[in-house]
Amino acid sequence: MAIKCTLLLITILIFPALIYSQDKSYLPDSNKPEKEFIIDSIVIHGNKKTKRSAILREMTISQNDKVLSDHISSLLKENERSIKNTELFVTVSCSVKYTAKEKINIIVDVKEEWYLFPNPIFELVDRNFNEWWVDQDHKLYRTRYGIYLYHDNFTGHNDRFRIKTQLGYSYSLKFSYSTPFLDKKQRIKLKTNFSYEKKKETSYLHKYNETKYFNHESDVLEDYDFYTEIIFRKGIHKYNSFGLRYKSTWVDEKIINLNSDYFANEKNFQKYLAATYKYKLDKRDFKPYPQSGHIFRFEIYKKGLGLNPSVDFWNFKSIYKKFFDLGKNFYLSSSLKGKLSFPKNQPFTLEQGLGYGTELIRGYEYYVINGQSFWLNQNAMKFKLLDITLENINLIPIKQFNTIPVKVMAKTYFDHGFVRDNNPLKNPMANNYLFGYGFGIDIVTFYEIILRLEYSFNHKNENDLFLHFKKAL
C-alpha cells in the first residue's frame, strides 16, 4: 500500500511537467493571403503612476516587430490579458491604428487602480469562517484588528510594499517589499518578508482531525520569520526563484508537556534555516479568477541547513491547474496538487496535510487531515450568470473606484484526495480516500475581491453552507 501511494504521489508531482499544450492560435491559415505590417510605435494612455517600461515588460510585441494581418486581433487580446494580469489596472484596452502603408501603431489604454490602501483590519484567526462560527462559537476574541498599509505600485515599476500591524487574539508585525526589476533586461527581482508574532493562545495538537488549542493569561508563543527570495523571470510566463528563510519560535513549556512532538524534541524553542527552489509557468487569462489557460508550479523546500540537527526535512510540492472555456458561458476547471515530504516522523509545527487555505476538500472545512504526503484533485463546472462593468459610480469620490466590474458564476464541483500519515492513531481520516461535492455561487468584483457561497457534502453524509473569501481553483 505504501509503495502504491508513493508511486501515485510521484506521478502527481511529475505529471504536469509532461503536459505541453502548444498555442496554435497564431499559426497562419495557408488558404488566406496575409499582409505583413511593421509596428511603428506603441502608444500608452492613462498611466499616471505606472512607468511605461513596466507596461512594455508585459507585452509580447515591441516596436519594429513584424506582424501578419490575420494575427493582429489575437495579439491585441493576448496583450490585454497580459497587462491586466499585473493587477495594476481596473481596465485595459489594446487597439490598432493604421498609420501608413504597411505600418501600424498599437494603442494601449489603461485605467489605473488605487495603489495606496491604509486598510483597517478585522479578520478571523481560524482556518475558515465556518470553523470560527461553529467550532469556536463565533467568539470575538478569536479575531485580529489593526492597520494594513500597502502600496501595489510603490515607484511605478510594479514593486509592492506592505506593512501590517495587528492586535487582539495575537500581536503581529509584518513587512514585505518586492523590488522593481534590477537588471536592464528586466528579468531579476528581489522579495523580502519579515514577520514577528506573539500569542496568548495557539494550536498544539490535532486530535481526531480537530484542532486543540492552549491558552494562558500571558504569552504562550513568540515567533520570528525572515524570508528573502531572488526571482528570475524569463519572458512573460516563466518564473524561477531561490529563497532563504530563518525562523525562530518559542512556546510555553506547558505546550511541550501536552504534545512532546510539538518540536520533535524536549526543548520549548525551535530555530532553523531553510532553502527553497520554485518554478512557475503561468498562462492563465486572468490570475485572480481565470476562465481559460493553465498554470504549473513546482517547489522544493529544504528545512534545516545545519543550524538545528532536530530539523532536517525535505518537501516536494507540485500543482497543475487547467481552465477550459467551453463556450456559451460554460467553463470547466480542474487542479491536481501533490506533496511528498521526508522523513516519516515530523514535528507538529512542520507537518501539514489537507485543511489549510485552498488545500482543502470542500465539505471538510471543520477538519484537519495532517500527514507527510497528500494528493488533491479539485474540479468545477461553472456557468456565467452575470458579467457587467458599472461605470461612473460615484459612491467614493475617487475615479479609481468609479468603475466596478461584477461577475457572478453558478457552479457545481467535486473534490477528492488522499493524505498519507505514518502516525494515524489520532488522525482517522488519513490513509483513506476522501471526497466532497456540492454547488454554489462565486461573486467577483474589483480589486480581486472574491466571495464564495458553497453548499457542500462529504463522505460522512455531512452537509452545510460554507462561506469563503478566496478562490478555490
Protein backbone atom coordinates (compact mmCIF):
# COMPACT_ATOMS: atom_id res chain seq x y z
CA MET A 1 0.00 0.00 0.00
CA ALA A 2 2.79 2.40 0.94
CA ILE A 3 4.62 1.72 -2.36
CA LYS A 4 1.44 2.31 -4.36
CA CYS A 5 0.74 5.60 -2.55
CA THR A 6 4.32 6.77 -3.08
CA LEU A 7 4.18 5.92 -6.81
CA LEU A 8 0.86 7.76 -7.12
CA LEU A 9 2.26 10.85 -5.39
CA ILE A 10 5.39 10.82 -7.55
CA THR A 11 3.19 10.58 -10.65
CA ILE A 12 1.15 13.55 -9.46
CA LEU A 13 4.30 15.57 -8.88
CA ILE A 14 5.85 14.94 -12.30
CA PHE A 15 2.74 14.51 -14.47
CA PRO A 16 2.12 18.23 -15.07
CA ALA A 17 5.67 18.68 -16.28
CA LEU A 18 4.97 16.18 -19.05
CA ILE A 19 1.92 18.12 -20.27
CA TYR A 20 2.70 20.52 -23.06
CA SER A 21 -0.01 22.34 -24.92
CA GLN A 22 1.19 24.46 -27.83
CA ASP A 23 -0.83 27.57 -28.54
CA LYS A 24 -1.68 27.37 -32.24
CA SER A 25 -3.82 30.48 -32.38
CA TYR A 26 -1.14 32.37 -34.30
CA LEU A 27 -0.37 29.76 -36.95
CA PRO A 28 -1.14 31.09 -40.40
CA ASP A 29 -4.02 29.78 -42.45
CA SER A 30 -2.47 28.63 -45.73
CA ASN A 31 -5.74 29.28 -47.56
CA LYS A 32 -5.63 33.05 -46.89
CA PRO A 33 -3.21 35.60 -48.30
CA GLU A 34 -1.73 37.58 -45.42
CA LYS A 35 -0.30 41.07 -45.32
CA GLU A 36 2.65 41.94 -43.11
CA PHE A 37 2.77 45.12 -41.02
CA ILE A 38 5.57 46.77 -39.04
CA ILE A 39 4.75 48.15 -35.57
CA ASP A 40 5.79 51.78 -35.93
CA SER A 41 5.14 52.66 -32.26
CA ILE A 42 3.34 51.62 -29.10
CA VAL A 43 1.32 54.44 -27.54
CA ILE A 44 0.15 54.17 -23.93
CA HIS A 45 -2.59 56.32 -22.38
CA GLY A 46 -3.79 56.53 -18.78
CA ASN A 47 -0.62 55.51 -16.92
CA LYS A 48 -0.25 58.37 -14.44
CA LYS A 49 1.76 56.41 -11.85
CA THR A 50 2.87 53.31 -13.75
CA LYS A 51 6.06 53.70 -15.77
CA ARG A 52 5.89 52.97 -19.47
CA SER A 53 8.64 50.34 -19.14
CA ALA A 54 6.58 48.37 -16.61
CA ILE A 55 3.77 48.03 -19.16
CA LEU A 56 6.03 47.25 -22.11
CA ARG A 57 7.64 44.49 -19.98
CA GLU A 58 4.32 42.61 -20.01
CA MET A 59 3.78 42.79 -23.76
CA THR A 60 4.67 40.10 -26.27
CA ILE A 61 5.21 42.65 -29.04
CA SER A 62 7.53 45.63 -29.37
CA GLN A 63 8.36 48.47 -31.71
CA ASN A 64 9.62 47.41 -35.17
CA ASP A 65 8.18 43.91 -34.81
CA LYS A 66 6.53 42.47 -37.91
CA VAL A 67 3.03 41.03 -37.56
CA LEU A 68 0.69 39.36 -40.02
CA SER A 69 -2.70 40.95 -40.61
CA ASP A 70 -4.63 37.84 -39.52
CA HIS A 71 -2.74 37.78 -36.22
CA ILE A 72 -3.35 41.36 -35.12
CA SER A 73 -6.68 40.74 -33.38
CA SER A 74 -5.43 37.77 -31.36
CA LEU A 75 -2.21 39.61 -30.46
CA LEU A 76 -4.23 42.56 -29.11
CA LYS A 77 -6.33 40.25 -26.93
CA GLU A 78 -3.27 38.40 -25.66
CA ASN A 79 -1.56 41.65 -24.65
CA GLU A 80 -4.70 42.96 -22.96
CA ARG A 81 -4.74 39.83 -20.79
CA SER A 82 -1.03 40.05 -20.06
CA ILE A 83 -1.18 43.70 -18.94
CA LYS A 84 -4.35 43.07 -16.91
CA ASN A 85 -2.59 40.22 -15.10
CA THR A 86 -0.21 42.70 -13.47
CA GLU A 87 -3.26 43.52 -11.29
CA LEU A 88 -2.33 47.20 -11.59
CA PHE A 89 -5.27 48.29 -13.74
CA VAL A 90 -9.05 48.33 -13.48
CA THR A 91 -9.44 48.16 -17.26
CA VAL A 92 -7.08 47.54 -20.17
CA SER A 93 -7.82 48.02 -23.86
CA CYS A 94 -5.50 47.46 -26.83
CA SER A 95 -6.31 48.68 -30.33
CA VAL A 96 -4.56 49.28 -33.64
CA LYS A 97 -4.20 52.39 -35.78
CA TYR A 98 -3.12 52.08 -39.41
CA THR A 99 -0.74 55.00 -39.96
CA ALA A 100 0.89 54.37 -43.33
CA LYS A 101 1.37 51.68 -45.88
CA GLU A 102 2.45 48.50 -44.07
CA LYS A 103 2.84 50.35 -40.73
CA ILE A 104 0.64 50.37 -37.63
CA ASN A 105 0.56 51.89 -34.16
CA ILE A 106 -0.54 49.87 -31.15
CA ILE A 107 -2.67 51.92 -28.76
CA VAL A 108 -2.85 50.80 -25.11
CA ASP A 109 -5.47 52.47 -22.89
CA VAL A 110 -5.33 51.69 -19.18
CA LYS A 111 -7.24 52.83 -16.12
CA GLU A 112 -5.07 52.54 -13.03
CA GLU A 113 -6.22 51.04 -9.78
CA TRP A 114 -5.88 52.86 -6.47
CA TYR A 115 -2.50 51.62 -5.28
CA LEU A 116 -2.17 53.02 -1.74
CA PHE A 117 -4.50 51.48 0.85
CA PRO A 118 -4.41 52.23 4.59
CA ASN A 119 -6.90 49.46 5.40
CA PRO A 120 -8.38 48.75 8.81
CA ILE A 121 -8.12 45.04 9.62
CA PHE A 122 -10.72 42.80 11.19
CA GLU A 123 -10.05 39.14 10.48
CA LEU A 124 -10.54 35.69 11.89
CA VAL A 125 -7.69 33.61 13.27
CA ASP A 126 -9.28 30.27 12.41
CA ARG A 127 -8.74 28.37 9.15
CA ASN A 128 -12.08 29.42 7.67
CA PHE A 129 -15.32 31.24 8.51
CA ASN A 130 -17.29 28.09 9.36
CA GLU A 131 -14.69 26.79 11.82
CA TRP A 132 -14.86 30.14 13.64
CA TRP A 133 -18.68 30.35 13.52
CA VAL A 134 -19.46 26.75 14.54
CA ASP A 135 -16.48 25.14 16.28
CA GLN A 136 -15.37 28.31 18.09
CA ASP A 137 -18.91 29.64 18.68
CA HIS A 138 -18.03 32.88 16.78
CA LYS A 139 -16.19 34.31 19.79
CA LEU A 140 -15.00 37.82 19.10
CA TYR A 141 -11.75 37.38 20.99
CA ARG A 142 -10.70 34.99 18.21
CA THR A 143 -10.27 37.92 15.84
CA ARG A 144 -7.47 40.30 14.99
CA TYR A 145 -7.69 44.00 14.29
CA GLY A 146 -5.21 46.61 13.20
CA ILE A 147 -3.91 48.52 10.19
CA TYR A 148 -2.72 47.12 6.87
CA LEU A 149 -0.86 49.65 4.73
CA TYR A 150 0.12 48.55 1.27
CA HIS A 151 1.22 50.13 -1.96
CA ASP A 152 0.97 47.91 -5.04
CA ASN A 153 2.98 50.19 -7.32
CA PHE A 154 5.39 51.90 -4.97
CA THR A 155 7.73 53.52 -7.51
CA GLY A 156 5.60 52.90 -10.60
CA HIS A 157 7.65 49.86 -11.62
CA ASN A 158 5.21 47.21 -10.32
CA ASP A 159 7.02 46.97 -6.99
CA ARG A 160 4.92 46.16 -3.94
CA PHE A 161 5.29 47.38 -0.37
CA ARG A 162 3.27 46.08 2.57
CA ILE A 163 3.28 46.65 6.32
CA LYS A 164 0.74 45.20 8.73
CA THR A 165 0.30 45.54 12.47
CA GLN A 166 -2.35 43.65 14.41
CA LEU A 167 -3.70 43.40 17.93
CA GLY A 168 -6.39 41.26 19.53
CA TYR A 169 -6.05 37.47 19.51
CA SER A 170 -2.37 37.93 18.77
CA TYR A 171 0.09 40.74 18.26
CA SER A 172 1.92 40.74 14.96
CA LEU A 173 4.04 42.98 12.81
CA LYS A 174 4.66 42.06 9.18
CA PHE A 175 6.64 43.76 6.44
CA SER A 176 7.29 42.83 2.81
CA TYR A 177 8.74 44.50 -0.25
CA SER A 178 9.10 43.26 -3.81
CA THR A 179 11.60 45.32 -5.77
CA PRO A 180 11.37 46.53 -9.38
CA PHE A 181 13.45 44.61 -11.91
CA LEU A 182 17.10 45.17 -11.07
CA ASP A 183 18.73 44.47 -14.44
CA LYS A 184 18.46 46.11 -17.84
CA LYS A 185 16.77 43.09 -19.39
CA GLN A 186 14.12 43.22 -16.63
CA ARG A 187 14.46 39.62 -15.50
CA ILE A 188 15.65 39.76 -11.87
CA LYS A 189 13.70 40.88 -8.80
CA LEU A 190 14.13 40.54 -5.04
CA LYS A 191 11.40 39.90 -2.49
CA THR A 192 11.83 40.24 1.28
CA ASN A 193 9.43 39.37 4.09
CA PHE A 194 9.75 39.80 7.83
CA SER A 195 7.19 38.95 10.50
CA TYR A 196 7.03 38.98 14.28
CA GLU A 197 4.14 37.46 16.24
CA LYS A 198 3.25 36.62 19.81
CA LYS A 199 0.10 34.90 21.07
CA LYS A 200 -1.75 34.10 24.24
CA GLU A 201 -3.37 31.10 22.52
CA THR A 202 -2.10 28.69 19.91
CA SER A 203 -2.87 25.27 18.47
CA TYR A 204 -0.77 22.47 19.94
CA LEU A 205 -2.38 19.25 18.69
CA HIS A 206 -4.68 17.76 16.04
CA LYS A 207 -6.78 15.01 17.58
CA TYR A 208 -9.41 13.08 15.66
CA ASN A 209 -8.95 15.57 12.82
CA GLU A 210 -9.84 18.55 15.03
CA THR A 211 -7.53 21.30 16.29
CA LYS A 212 -6.82 21.63 20.01
CA TYR A 213 -5.82 24.99 21.48
CA PHE A 214 -3.83 26.03 24.55
CA ASN A 215 -4.34 29.47 26.09
CA HIS A 216 -2.98 31.40 29.04
CA GLU A 217 -3.10 34.88 30.53
CA SER A 218 0.48 35.52 29.41
CA ASP A 219 2.10 34.89 26.05
CA VAL A 220 2.45 31.24 25.06
CA LEU A 221 4.16 31.68 21.68
CA GLU A 222 6.67 34.08 20.12
CA ASP A 223 7.78 33.76 16.52
CA TYR A 224 10.28 35.50 14.22
CA ASP A 225 10.28 34.75 10.50
CA PHE A 226 12.60 36.27 7.87
CA TYR A 227 12.49 35.26 4.21
CA THR A 228 14.27 36.63 1.17
CA GLU A 229 13.92 35.44 -2.40
CA ILE A 230 15.56 36.18 -5.74
CA ILE A 231 13.20 35.79 -8.71
CA PHE A 232 14.30 35.18 -12.31
CA ARG A 233 11.53 35.88 -14.80
CA LYS A 234 12.06 34.69 -18.35
CA GLY A 235 9.70 36.22 -20.90
CA ILE A 236 6.11 36.74 -19.84
CA HIS A 237 5.08 33.42 -18.32
CA LYS A 238 8.06 31.64 -16.71
CA TYR A 239 9.48 32.20 -13.23
CA ASN A 240 12.35 30.61 -11.30
CA SER A 241 13.18 31.63 -7.75
CA PHE A 242 15.60 30.74 -4.96
CA GLY A 243 14.83 31.64 -1.36
CA LEU A 244 16.37 31.52 2.10
CA ARG A 245 14.39 31.52 5.36
CA TYR A 246 15.33 31.93 9.03
CA LYS A 247 12.65 31.00 11.56
CA SER A 248 12.73 31.10 15.35
CA THR A 249 9.82 30.00 17.56
CA TRP A 250 9.43 29.85 21.34
CA VAL A 251 6.46 28.32 23.20
CA ASP A 252 5.45 27.88 26.81
CA GLU A 253 6.82 24.66 28.31
CA LYS A 254 3.27 23.53 29.12
CA ILE A 255 2.69 23.06 25.38
CA ILE A 256 5.65 20.65 25.21
CA ASN A 257 4.18 18.74 28.13
CA LEU A 258 0.86 18.44 26.27
CA ASN A 259 2.47 17.39 22.98
CA SER A 260 6.01 16.04 23.08
CA ASP A 261 6.06 16.03 19.25
CA TYR A 262 5.41 19.77 19.03
CA PHE A 263 9.06 20.45 18.12
CA ALA A 264 10.08 16.76 17.98
CA ASN A 265 12.45 17.31 20.91
CA GLU A 266 12.25 18.15 24.60
CA LYS A 267 13.01 21.84 24.13
CA ASN A 268 10.43 24.62 24.02
CA PHE A 269 12.07 26.53 21.19
CA GLN A 270 12.96 25.82 17.58
CA LYS A 271 15.32 27.61 15.20
CA TYR A 272 16.18 26.61 11.67
CA LEU A 273 17.35 27.78 8.26
CA ALA A 274 15.51 26.69 5.13
CA ALA A 275 16.16 26.96 1.39
CA THR A 276 13.62 26.84 -1.43
CA TYR A 277 13.55 26.50 -5.17
CA LYS A 278 10.34 27.34 -7.08
CA TYR A 279 9.35 27.13 -10.72
CA LYS A 280 6.17 28.58 -12.18
CA LEU A 281 4.69 28.56 -15.68
CA ASP A 282 1.61 30.79 -15.72
CA LYS A 283 -0.59 31.09 -18.82
CA ARG A 284 -3.93 31.95 -17.20
CA ASP A 285 -6.13 34.54 -18.87
CA PHE A 286 -6.87 36.40 -15.61
CA LYS A 287 -4.91 35.45 -12.48
CA PRO A 288 -7.43 36.43 -9.77
CA TYR A 289 -10.24 34.40 -11.41
CA PRO A 290 -9.11 32.50 -14.52
CA GLN A 291 -11.51 31.06 -17.10
CA SER A 292 -9.01 29.72 -19.63
CA GLY A 293 -5.35 28.76 -19.73
CA HIS A 294 -3.22 26.82 -17.28
CA ILE A 295 -0.62 27.15 -14.53
CA PHE A 296 2.08 24.76 -13.31
CA ARG A 297 4.09 25.22 -10.11
CA PHE A 298 6.81 23.08 -8.59
CA GLU A 299 8.60 23.65 -5.28
CA ILE A 300 11.49 22.04 -3.38
CA TYR A 301 11.75 23.09 0.26
CA LYS A 302 14.68 22.00 2.45
CA LYS A 303 14.02 22.77 6.12
CA GLY A 304 17.18 22.60 8.19
CA LEU A 305 20.61 23.68 6.95
CA GLY A 306 22.76 22.61 9.89
CA LEU A 307 21.60 25.21 12.43
CA ASN A 308 19.38 22.74 14.31
CA PRO A 309 20.06 18.97 13.99
CA SER A 310 16.47 18.15 15.02
CA VAL A 311 15.15 19.94 11.90
CA ASP A 312 16.12 18.09 8.73
CA PHE A 313 13.21 17.76 6.30
CA TRP A 314 12.54 17.75 2.57
CA ASN A 315 9.28 18.89 0.94
CA PHE A 316 8.40 18.42 -2.74
CA LYS A 317 5.21 20.08 -3.88
CA SER A 318 3.55 20.45 -7.28
CA ILE A 319 0.31 21.80 -8.70
CA TYR A 320 -1.22 21.90 -12.16
CA LYS A 321 -4.44 23.79 -12.95
CA LYS A 322 -6.26 23.80 -16.26
CA PHE A 323 -9.13 26.09 -17.22
CA PHE A 324 -11.42 25.50 -20.21
CA ASP A 325 -13.75 27.98 -21.89
CA LEU A 326 -16.42 25.63 -23.26
CA GLY A 327 -18.43 28.36 -24.94
CA LYS A 328 -21.97 29.60 -24.35
CA ASN A 329 -20.97 30.85 -20.86
CA PHE A 330 -19.89 27.40 -19.63
CA TYR A 331 -16.46 26.88 -18.05
CA LEU A 332 -14.61 23.86 -16.67
CA SER A 333 -11.64 23.91 -14.30
CA SER A 334 -9.53 21.19 -12.74
CA SER A 335 -6.49 21.19 -10.49
CA LEU A 336 -4.14 18.48 -9.32
CA LYS A 337 -1.90 19.02 -6.27
CA GLY A 338 0.62 16.72 -4.69
CA LYS A 339 3.11 16.80 -1.83
CA LEU A 340 5.88 14.44 -0.71
CA SER A 341 7.92 15.04 2.45
CA PHE A 342 10.64 13.16 4.30
CA PRO A 343 11.43 11.69 6.82
CA LYS A 344 8.39 9.89 8.21
CA ASN A 345 8.50 11.39 11.70
CA GLN A 346 8.00 15.15 11.69
CA PRO A 347 7.27 17.74 14.39
CA PHE A 348 3.76 19.12 14.79
CA THR A 349 4.88 22.58 13.67
CA LEU A 350 6.18 21.40 10.27
CA GLU A 351 3.66 18.71 9.35
CA GLN A 352 0.80 19.82 7.13
CA GLY A 353 -1.70 17.92 5.04
CA LEU A 354 -5.18 18.99 3.90
CA GLY A 355 -7.42 21.55 5.55
CA TYR A 356 -5.37 24.74 5.14
CA GLY A 357 -6.23 27.57 2.74
CA THR A 358 -7.06 26.25 -0.72
CA GLU A 359 -5.55 22.83 0.04
CA LEU A 360 -8.95 21.62 1.14
CA ILE A 361 -11.54 19.09 0.05
CA ARG A 362 -14.73 21.13 0.06
CA GLY A 363 -17.13 19.71 2.64
CA TYR A 364 -14.30 19.16 5.17
CA GLU A 365 -13.96 22.74 6.39
CA TYR A 366 -14.32 21.61 10.02
CA TYR A 367 -11.49 19.09 9.79
CA VAL A 368 -7.70 18.97 9.51
CA ILE A 369 -6.19 15.88 7.90
CA ASN A 370 -2.49 16.10 8.66
CA GLY A 371 0.18 13.93 7.12
CA GLN A 372 3.54 13.77 5.44
CA SER A 373 2.20 13.47 1.89
CA PHE A 374 -1.04 14.02 0.00
CA TRP A 375 -2.72 14.36 -3.36
CA LEU A 376 -5.76 16.52 -4.08
CA ASN A 377 -7.90 16.86 -7.20
CA GLN A 378 -10.47 19.69 -7.40
CA ASN A 379 -12.96 20.08 -10.26
CA ALA A 380 -15.68 22.61 -11.04
CA MET A 381 -18.20 23.26 -13.80
CA LYS A 382 -19.31 26.90 -13.94
CA PHE A 383 -21.94 28.92 -15.75
CA LYS A 384 -21.72 32.70 -16.09
CA LEU A 385 -24.88 34.32 -14.75
CA LEU A 386 -23.71 37.92 -14.92
CA ASP A 387 -20.70 39.82 -16.24
CA ILE A 388 -21.06 43.59 -16.27
CA THR A 389 -18.97 46.67 -15.63
CA LEU A 390 -20.62 49.52 -13.76
CA GLU A 391 -19.28 52.86 -14.96
CA ASN A 392 -19.31 56.31 -13.33
CA ILE A 393 -20.23 55.03 -9.87
CA ASN A 394 -19.75 57.99 -7.53
CA LEU A 395 -20.15 56.33 -4.15
CA ILE A 396 -16.49 57.16 -3.46
CA PRO A 397 -15.15 60.45 -4.89
CA ILE A 398 -12.03 58.77 -6.32
CA LYS A 399 -12.01 57.91 -10.01
CA GLN A 400 -10.24 54.56 -9.45
CA PHE A 401 -13.37 53.36 -7.63
CA ASN A 402 -15.86 54.64 -10.21
CA THR A 403 -15.57 51.56 -12.41
CA ILE A 404 -16.81 48.35 -10.76
CA PRO A 405 -16.73 45.03 -12.62
CA VAL A 406 -19.19 42.44 -11.28
CA LYS A 407 -19.15 38.79 -12.26
CA VAL A 408 -21.48 36.11 -10.87
CA MET A 409 -20.81 32.43 -11.57
CA ALA A 410 -23.03 29.47 -10.66
CA LYS A 411 -21.11 26.23 -10.19
CA THR A 412 -21.10 22.59 -9.19
CA TYR A 413 -17.94 20.86 -8.01
CA PHE A 414 -16.33 17.60 -6.96
CA ASP A 415 -13.11 17.29 -4.93
CA HIS A 416 -11.29 14.19 -3.77
CA GLY A 417 -7.95 13.36 -2.22
CA PHE A 418 -5.78 11.22 0.00
CA VAL A 419 -3.42 12.02 2.89
CA ARG A 420 -0.62 9.65 3.85
CA ASP A 421 0.16 9.74 7.59
CA ASN A 422 2.66 7.42 9.24
CA ASN A 423 1.19 8.15 12.68
CA PRO A 424 -2.58 7.86 12.10
CA LEU A 425 -3.80 6.80 15.58
CA LYS A 426 -5.28 10.24 16.28
CA ASN A 427 -5.88 11.08 12.62
CA PRO A 428 -8.60 8.63 11.43
CA MET A 429 -9.34 10.40 8.13
CA ALA A 430 -5.75 9.94 6.99
CA ASN A 431 -4.86 6.95 4.81
CA ASN A 432 -8.42 6.93 3.45
CA TYR A 433 -9.91 8.08 0.16
CA LEU A 434 -11.93 11.26 0.83
CA PHE A 435 -14.35 13.11 -1.41
CA GLY A 436 -16.68 16.11 -1.26
CA TYR A 437 -19.09 17.72 -3.67
CA GLY A 438 -21.70 20.46 -3.86
CA PHE A 439 -22.93 23.57 -5.62
CA GLY A 440 -22.58 27.29 -5.10
CA ILE A 441 -22.06 30.80 -6.42
CA ASP A 442 -18.89 32.87 -6.90
CA ILE A 443 -19.06 36.67 -6.86
CA VAL A 444 -16.06 38.51 -8.29
CA THR A 445 -15.66 42.26 -8.24
CA PHE A 446 -12.97 44.93 -8.35
CA TYR A 447 -9.61 44.76 -6.59
CA GLU A 448 -9.79 40.97 -6.85
CA ILE A 449 -12.49 40.65 -4.19
CA ILE A 450 -13.98 37.15 -4.35
CA LEU A 451 -16.89 35.78 -2.34
CA ARG A 452 -17.80 32.08 -2.48
CA LEU A 453 -21.07 30.66 -1.18
CA GLU A 454 -20.98 26.85 -1.27
CA TYR A 455 -23.28 24.11 -0.05
CA SER A 456 -21.11 21.02 0.35
CA PHE A 457 -21.42 17.32 1.20
CA ASN A 458 -18.72 14.87 2.32
CA HIS A 459 -18.25 11.10 2.63
CA LYS A 460 -19.67 11.14 6.18
CA ASN A 461 -23.01 12.36 4.79
CA GLU A 462 -22.45 15.71 6.49
CA ASN A 463 -23.57 18.86 4.69
CA ASP A 464 -23.51 22.57 5.39
CA LEU A 465 -23.37 26.02 3.83
CA PHE A 466 -19.82 27.40 3.73
CA LEU A 467 -18.58 30.94 3.18
CA HIS A 468 -15.13 31.66 1.73
CA PHE A 469 -13.29 34.80 0.69
CA LYS A 470 -10.65 33.20 -1.53
CA LYS A 471 -10.85 31.39 -4.85
CA ALA A 472 -10.88 27.60 -4.75
CA LEU A 473 -9.21 26.93 -8.12
